[in-house]
């Protein structure tokens, strides 16, 4: 009796099926392992960035480096939200910083436009102002993302109570998120087109600053709140004076070596079209830089304040002279009265 013999076709088919099943199991296993690796990597990157990269950056005064870093790494770090929890807190800083990059471009386009106007070149001025609005639109979108991630992490300030902060960096990121909300609204207004920033954002930000320790944060929370009062009609409480509060916040910032208060003061003065006060704030800031060094832990924030005031100074200089603030003359202006120079009467020596 002949034994049963499988045909070559049947044997090879079974082997192929087994191989396919084995490969499928292996591949699914690889996928699970990869997902675990990605998640672990994402959690490590989020923790490292929050606990080391951000504090390291805050000790630097290289704004351009910080700008480049945020624009380059934001897609990488935010992509970890696909494999682990969304990095909302880190996103606050990434989009705030990248928004400031776009705003810096908008300021450059504005200066080009003002210089063209001074030179009576209407076409070049119009083109520059179009580019300015485009850059403001990009800035508004980035600031809005920062504000949205802030609300995802801490809760909408208009709907929740003040959060319990884990540490100083947690509190600082909360304040950064509030700043991004106000910046988003301001950039949207500058862009003259809506990108979806709610128009009550300024009021929400103003109320939320009360969750922060004003003394610890160099008077910035009060300065931010007073800026909202000065810019948005009907928000200033009875008995308060926005500009008095702003002056106090500026003094606190000077003493702490983190001069954000000067920026809030200048923004409010510009909104009021008070050029004399704007010049006075810039002079005070320039003198403070000579008298008080920047806080070592927050050099980046202090440098950011100086950069914004230099931009305001440049705007005034270009409008009136056609060129930016001359080197070494930050804190001085084209129409300053020159001190009389003593002269000697040579006739008395003859």
Protein backbone atom coordinates (compact mmCIF):
# COMPACT_ATOMS: atom_id res chain seq x y z
CA UNK A 1 0.00 0.00 0.00
CA UNK A 2 1.34 3.33 -1.03
CA UNK A 3 1.68 6.04 1.62
CA UNK A 4 0.03 9.44 1.26
CA UNK A 5 2.29 12.00 -0.39
CA UNK A 6 1.59 15.77 -0.44
CA UNK A 7 1.97 17.41 -3.77
CA UNK A 8 4.72 20.01 -4.16
CA UNK A 9 2.08 22.67 -4.80
CA UNK A 10 0.21 21.98 -1.57
CA UNK A 11 3.43 21.93 0.48
CA UNK A 12 4.73 25.19 -0.88
CA UNK A 13 1.33 26.80 -0.35
CA UNK A 14 1.29 25.85 3.31
CA UNK A 15 4.81 27.11 3.76
CA UNK A 16 3.84 30.40 2.15
CA UNK A 17 0.81 30.76 4.41
CA UNK A 18 2.89 30.05 7.51
CA UNK A 19 5.50 32.55 6.37
CA UNK A 20 2.86 35.20 5.77
CA UNK A 21 1.29 34.63 9.18
CA UNK A 22 4.68 34.71 10.86
CA UNK A 23 5.64 37.92 9.07
CA UNK A 24 2.34 39.50 10.03
CA UNK A 25 2.83 38.64 13.68
CA UNK A 26 6.38 39.91 13.60
CA UNK A 27 5.40 43.12 11.89
CA UNK A 28 2.54 43.75 14.28
CA UNK A 29 4.95 43.11 17.12
CA UNK A 30 7.43 45.55 15.59
CA UNK A 31 4.66 48.12 15.35
CA UNK A 32 3.83 47.73 19.02
CA UNK A 33 7.50 47.94 19.97
CA UNK A 34 7.96 51.01 17.77
CA UNK A 35 4.94 52.70 19.30
CA UNK A 36 6.32 52.03 22.76
CA UNK A 37 9.71 53.44 21.74
CA UNK A 38 8.10 56.51 20.16
CA UNK A 39 5.98 57.15 23.23
CA UNK A 40 8.95 56.80 25.56
CA UNK A 41 11.02 59.08 23.35
CA UNK A 42 8.22 61.63 23.23
CA UNK A 43 7.82 61.66 26.99
CA UNK A 44 11.57 62.03 27.48
CA UNK A 45 11.78 64.86 24.94
CA UNK A 46 8.88 66.71 26.52
CA UNK A 47 10.33 66.38 30.00
CA UNK A 48 13.84 67.35 28.90
CA UNK A 49 12.64 70.38 26.93
CA UNK A 50 10.48 71.60 29.77
CA UNK A 51 13.03 71.04 32.54
CA UNK A 52 16.27 71.87 30.73
CA UNK A 53 15.94 73.40 27.25
CA UNK A 54 13.55 76.20 28.25
CA UNK A 55 15.50 77.19 31.41
CA UNK A 56 18.76 77.07 29.43
CA UNK A 57 17.28 79.33 26.76
CA UNK A 58 15.96 81.77 29.37
CA UNK A 59 19.53 82.25 30.64
CA UNK A 60 20.68 83.24 27.14
CA UNK A 61 20.29 86.65 25.55
CA UNK A 62 20.56 85.40 21.96
CA UNK A 63 17.06 86.12 20.64
CA UNK A 64 17.87 85.07 17.07
CA UNK A 65 19.04 81.66 18.28
CA UNK A 66 15.86 81.20 20.29
CA UNK A 67 13.76 82.21 17.30
CA UNK A 68 15.51 79.76 14.98
CA UNK A 69 15.25 76.96 17.54
CA UNK A 70 11.51 77.35 18.03
CA UNK A 71 10.75 77.46 14.32
CA UNK A 72 12.99 74.47 13.57
CA UNK A 73 11.99 72.19 16.44
CA UNK A 74 8.26 72.94 16.80
CA UNK A 75 7.15 70.40 14.14
CA UNK A 76 9.41 67.70 15.63
CA UNK A 77 8.37 68.20 19.24
CA UNK A 78 4.69 68.70 18.45
CA UNK A 79 4.61 65.51 16.35
CA UNK A 80 5.10 63.47 19.54
CA UNK A 81 1.48 64.32 20.28
CA UNK A 82 0.63 61.57 17.74
CA UNK A 83 2.12 58.83 19.92
CA UNK A 84 1.78 60.21 23.45
CA UNK A 85 -0.11 62.96 25.25
CA UNK A 86 -0.23 66.33 23.50
CA UNK A 87 2.72 68.53 24.58
CA UNK A 88 0.44 71.47 25.33
CA UNK A 89 2.64 73.18 27.90
CA UNK A 90 5.72 73.03 25.71
CA UNK A 91 3.64 74.27 22.76
CA UNK A 92 2.92 77.48 24.65
CA UNK A 93 6.59 78.42 24.52
CA UNK A 94 7.24 77.08 21.01
CA UNK A 95 4.40 78.99 19.36
CA UNK A 96 4.94 82.13 21.44
CA UNK A 97 8.58 82.21 20.35
CA UNK A 98 7.86 81.37 16.70
CA UNK A 99 5.11 84.00 16.71
CA UNK A 100 7.67 86.57 17.79
CA UNK A 101 9.80 85.51 14.80
CA UNK A 102 6.96 86.39 12.43
CA UNK A 103 6.34 89.62 14.32
CA UNK A 104 9.99 90.55 13.94
CA UNK A 105 9.58 90.12 10.17
CA UNK A 106 6.50 92.33 10.28
CA UNK A 107 8.50 95.06 12.04
CA UNK A 108 11.22 94.86 9.38
CA UNK A 109 8.64 95.25 6.61
CA UNK A 110 7.09 98.21 8.45
CA UNK A 111 10.46 99.95 8.70
CA UNK A 112 11.02 99.37 4.98
CA UNK A 113 7.62 100.87 4.27
CA UNK A 114 8.24 103.91 6.48
CA UNK A 115 11.64 104.47 4.86
CA UNK A 116 10.01 104.30 1.42
CA UNK A 117 7.40 106.84 2.52
CA UNK A 118 10.15 109.14 3.75
CA UNK A 119 11.79 108.81 0.33
CA UNK A 120 8.42 109.51 -1.35
CA UNK A 121 8.37 106.07 -3.01
CA UNK A 122 4.68 105.17 -2.75
CA UNK A 123 4.89 101.88 -4.65
CA UNK A 124 7.71 100.48 -2.50
CA UNK A 125 5.88 101.63 0.64
CA UNK A 126 2.66 99.92 -0.37
CA UNK A 127 4.46 96.67 -1.14
CA UNK A 128 6.27 96.73 2.20
CA UNK A 129 3.04 97.32 4.12
CA UNK A 130 1.38 94.41 2.31
CA UNK A 131 4.26 92.17 3.42
CA UNK A 132 3.90 93.57 6.93
CA UNK A 133 0.23 92.52 7.10
CA UNK A 134 1.06 89.04 5.80
CA UNK A 135 3.71 88.63 8.50
CA UNK A 136 1.27 89.86 11.16
CA UNK A 137 -1.25 87.28 9.95
CA UNK A 138 1.32 84.51 10.41
CA UNK A 139 2.24 85.88 13.83
CA UNK A 140 -1.42 85.97 14.87
CA UNK A 141 -1.91 82.33 13.84
CA UNK A 142 1.13 81.21 15.83
CA UNK A 143 0.23 83.25 18.90
CA UNK A 144 -3.31 81.87 18.70
CA UNK A 145 -1.95 78.30 18.72
CA UNK A 146 0.07 79.16 21.82
CA UNK A 147 -3.04 80.57 23.49
CA UNK A 148 -5.11 77.51 22.55
CA UNK A 149 -2.49 75.11 23.93
CA UNK A 150 -2.31 77.24 27.09
CA UNK A 151 -6.06 76.79 27.56
CA UNK A 152 -5.82 73.07 26.85
CA UNK A 153 -3.18 72.61 29.53
CA UNK A 154 -4.34 75.06 32.22
CA UNK A 155 -8.02 75.44 31.32
CA UNK A 156 -9.78 78.44 29.85
CA UNK A 157 -9.21 81.27 32.38
CA UNK A 158 -12.74 82.49 31.76
CA UNK A 159 -14.21 79.13 32.80
CA UNK A 160 -11.83 77.75 35.43
CA UNK A 161 -10.26 78.81 38.70
CA UNK A 162 -6.57 79.61 39.05
CA UNK A 163 -4.45 76.47 38.59
CA UNK A 164 -2.18 75.00 41.26
CA UNK A 165 1.32 75.52 39.90
CA UNK A 166 3.90 72.75 40.32
CA UNK A 167 6.91 75.08 40.36
CA UNK A 168 8.18 78.47 39.14
CA UNK A 169 8.61 77.27 35.55
CA UNK A 170 5.00 76.11 35.51
CA UNK A 171 3.91 79.57 36.66
CA UNK A 172 6.15 81.27 34.11
CA UNK A 173 4.67 79.23 31.27
CA UNK A 174 1.22 80.23 32.44
CA UNK A 175 2.24 83.87 32.19
CA UNK A 176 3.80 83.24 28.78
CA UNK A 177 0.48 81.82 27.60
CA UNK A 178 -1.35 84.95 28.76
CA UNK A 179 1.14 87.09 26.87
CA UNK A 180 0.57 85.00 23.75
CA UNK A 181 -3.18 85.59 24.02
CA UNK A 182 -2.76 89.36 24.10
CA UNK A 183 -0.18 89.21 21.31
CA UNK A 184 -2.55 87.11 19.18
CA UNK A 185 -5.26 89.74 19.47
CA UNK A 186 -2.84 92.58 18.76
CA UNK A 187 -1.33 90.82 15.72
CA UNK A 188 -4.79 90.08 14.34
CA UNK A 189 -5.67 93.77 14.60
CA UNK A 190 -2.40 94.72 12.88
CA UNK A 191 -3.09 92.22 10.11
CA UNK A 192 -6.53 93.81 9.50
CA UNK A 193 -7.96 90.33 8.91
CA UNK A 194 -9.38 87.78 11.32
CA UNK A 195 -7.60 84.50 12.00
CA UNK A 196 -10.08 83.45 14.68
CA UNK A 197 -8.76 85.20 17.78
CA UNK A 198 -11.79 85.95 20.03
CA UNK A 199 -12.14 89.68 20.59
CA UNK A 200 -12.68 89.18 24.33
CA UNK A 201 -9.22 87.60 24.67
CA UNK A 202 -7.72 90.81 26.07
CA UNK A 203 -10.28 90.96 28.86
CA UNK A 204 -9.80 87.27 29.67
CA UNK A 205 -6.03 87.73 29.83
CA UNK A 206 -6.38 90.77 32.08
CA UNK A 207 -8.46 88.86 34.62
CA UNK A 208 -6.21 85.80 34.51
CA UNK A 209 -3.10 87.79 35.49
CA UNK A 210 -4.51 87.85 39.03
CA UNK A 211 -3.50 84.17 39.30
CA UNK A 212 0.17 85.22 39.25
CA UNK A 213 2.47 86.55 41.96
CA UNK A 214 3.15 90.10 40.80
CA UNK A 215 6.27 90.65 42.93
CA UNK A 216 7.85 87.34 41.94
CA UNK A 217 7.37 88.09 38.23
CA UNK A 218 8.95 91.55 38.14
CA UNK A 219 5.64 93.48 38.08
CA UNK A 220 4.79 91.93 34.70
CA UNK A 221 1.33 90.56 35.68
CA UNK A 222 0.18 94.01 36.84
CA UNK A 223 1.78 95.59 33.78
CA UNK A 224 0.00 93.17 31.49
CA UNK A 225 -3.31 93.83 33.22
CA UNK A 226 -2.85 97.61 33.08
CA UNK A 227 -1.99 97.39 29.37
CA UNK A 228 -5.36 95.73 28.78
CA UNK A 229 -7.04 98.55 30.73
CA UNK A 230 -5.25 101.17 28.63
CA UNK A 231 -6.01 99.54 25.29
CA UNK A 232 -9.54 98.19 25.69
CA UNK A 233 -12.24 100.71 26.64
CA UNK A 234 -14.41 99.76 29.60
CA UNK A 235 -11.97 97.29 31.17
CA UNK A 236 -10.36 99.63 33.70
CA UNK A 237 -11.91 99.22 37.17
CA UNK A 238 -13.26 102.28 38.94
CA UNK A 239 -10.60 104.03 40.98
CA UNK A 240 -7.70 102.55 39.01
CA UNK A 241 -5.27 104.42 36.75
CA UNK A 242 -3.64 102.26 34.07
CA UNK A 243 -0.63 104.53 33.58
CA UNK A 244 0.10 104.80 37.30
CA UNK A 245 0.09 101.00 37.51
CA UNK A 246 2.29 100.78 34.43
CA UNK A 247 4.83 103.16 35.96
CA UNK A 248 4.98 101.03 39.12
CA UNK A 249 5.39 97.85 37.07
CA UNK A 250 8.22 99.48 35.11
CA UNK A 251 10.06 100.34 38.35
CA UNK A 252 9.66 96.78 39.62
CA UNK A 253 11.06 95.44 36.35
CA UNK A 254 14.06 97.76 36.54
CA UNK A 255 14.87 96.63 40.07
CA UNK A 256 14.53 92.94 39.14
CA UNK A 257 16.60 93.21 35.95
CA UNK A 258 13.69 91.94 33.83
CA UNK A 259 12.29 95.07 32.18
CA UNK A 260 9.07 93.83 30.58
CA UNK A 261 7.25 96.65 32.37
CA UNK A 262 8.85 99.18 30.03
CA UNK A 263 7.40 97.35 27.04
CA UNK A 264 3.88 97.42 28.46
CA UNK A 265 4.32 101.09 29.31
CA UNK A 266 5.49 101.94 25.77
CA UNK A 267 2.70 99.93 24.11
CA UNK A 268 0.06 101.75 26.16
CA UNK A 269 1.66 105.13 25.37
CA UNK A 270 1.71 104.33 21.65
CA UNK A 271 -1.95 103.34 21.80
CA UNK A 272 -2.60 106.77 23.34
CA UNK A 273 -0.45 108.49 20.66
CA UNK A 274 1.70 109.97 23.43
CA UNK A 275 5.09 110.20 21.69
CA UNK A 276 6.66 112.14 24.56
CA UNK A 277 5.87 109.31 26.98
CA UNK A 278 7.15 106.70 24.51
CA UNK A 279 10.47 108.55 24.27
CA UNK A 280 10.64 108.87 28.06
CA UNK A 281 10.13 105.12 28.50
CA UNK A 282 12.87 104.34 25.98
CA UNK A 283 15.26 106.73 27.73
CA UNK A 284 14.49 105.14 31.10
CA UNK A 285 15.11 101.68 29.64
CA UNK A 286 18.44 102.69 28.10
CA UNK A 287 19.58 104.23 31.40
CA UNK A 288 18.43 101.16 33.32
CA UNK A 289 20.51 98.89 31.08
CA UNK A 290 23.59 100.85 32.12
CA UNK A 291 22.69 100.85 35.81
CA UNK A 292 21.27 97.36 36.38
CA UNK A 293 22.45 94.12 34.76
CA UNK A 294 19.89 91.63 33.51
CA UNK A 295 18.65 88.92 35.87
CA UNK A 296 20.87 85.91 35.14
CA UNK A 297 18.00 83.42 35.14
CA UNK A 298 15.85 85.53 32.79
CA UNK A 299 18.31 87.20 30.43
CA UNK A 300 16.22 86.11 27.45
CA UNK A 301 13.10 87.91 28.69
CA UNK A 302 15.07 91.08 29.46
CA UNK A 303 16.74 90.97 26.03
CA UNK A 304 13.32 90.50 24.44
CA UNK A 305 12.10 93.66 26.17
CA UNK A 306 15.11 95.62 24.91
CA UNK A 307 14.63 94.31 21.39
CA UNK A 308 10.99 95.44 21.33
CA UNK A 309 11.91 98.91 22.57
CA UNK A 310 14.70 99.20 20.01
CA UNK A 311 12.08 98.37 17.37
CA UNK A 312 9.83 101.17 18.68
CA UNK A 313 12.80 103.54 18.71
CA UNK A 314 13.66 102.54 15.13
CA UNK A 315 10.11 103.26 14.04
CA UNK A 316 10.28 106.79 15.45
CA UNK A 317 13.67 107.43 13.89
CA UNK A 318 12.67 106.16 10.44
CA UNK A 319 9.45 108.19 10.43
CA UNK A 320 11.40 111.36 11.17
CA UNK A 321 14.82 110.83 9.57
CA UNK A 322 14.50 107.96 7.10
CA UNK A 323 16.94 105.74 9.02
CA UNK A 324 16.96 103.60 12.17
CA UNK A 325 18.35 104.42 15.58
CA UNK A 326 22.06 105.14 15.06
CA UNK A 327 24.54 102.79 16.67
CA UNK A 328 25.25 103.82 20.25
CA UNK A 329 22.31 106.24 20.39
CA UNK A 330 19.55 104.04 21.79
CA UNK A 331 17.80 106.29 24.30
CA UNK A 332 18.54 109.45 22.29
CA UNK A 333 16.47 111.09 19.57
CA UNK A 334 16.99 113.27 16.50
CA UNK A 335 15.37 116.33 18.08
CA UNK A 336 17.18 116.21 21.42
CA UNK A 337 18.59 119.54 22.52
CA UNK A 338 22.36 119.50 22.39
CA UNK A 339 24.16 120.58 25.53
CA UNK A 340 26.03 123.84 24.99
CA UNK A 341 29.75 123.41 24.52
CA UNK A 342 32.02 125.69 26.50
CA UNK A 343 34.31 127.78 24.32
CA UNK A 344 37.39 129.74 25.21
CA UNK A 345 37.82 133.35 24.10
CA UNK A 346 41.24 133.28 22.49
CA UNK A 347 41.43 137.08 22.46
CA UNK A 348 42.05 136.96 26.21
CA UNK A 349 45.20 134.92 25.62
CA UNK A 350 46.69 137.41 23.17
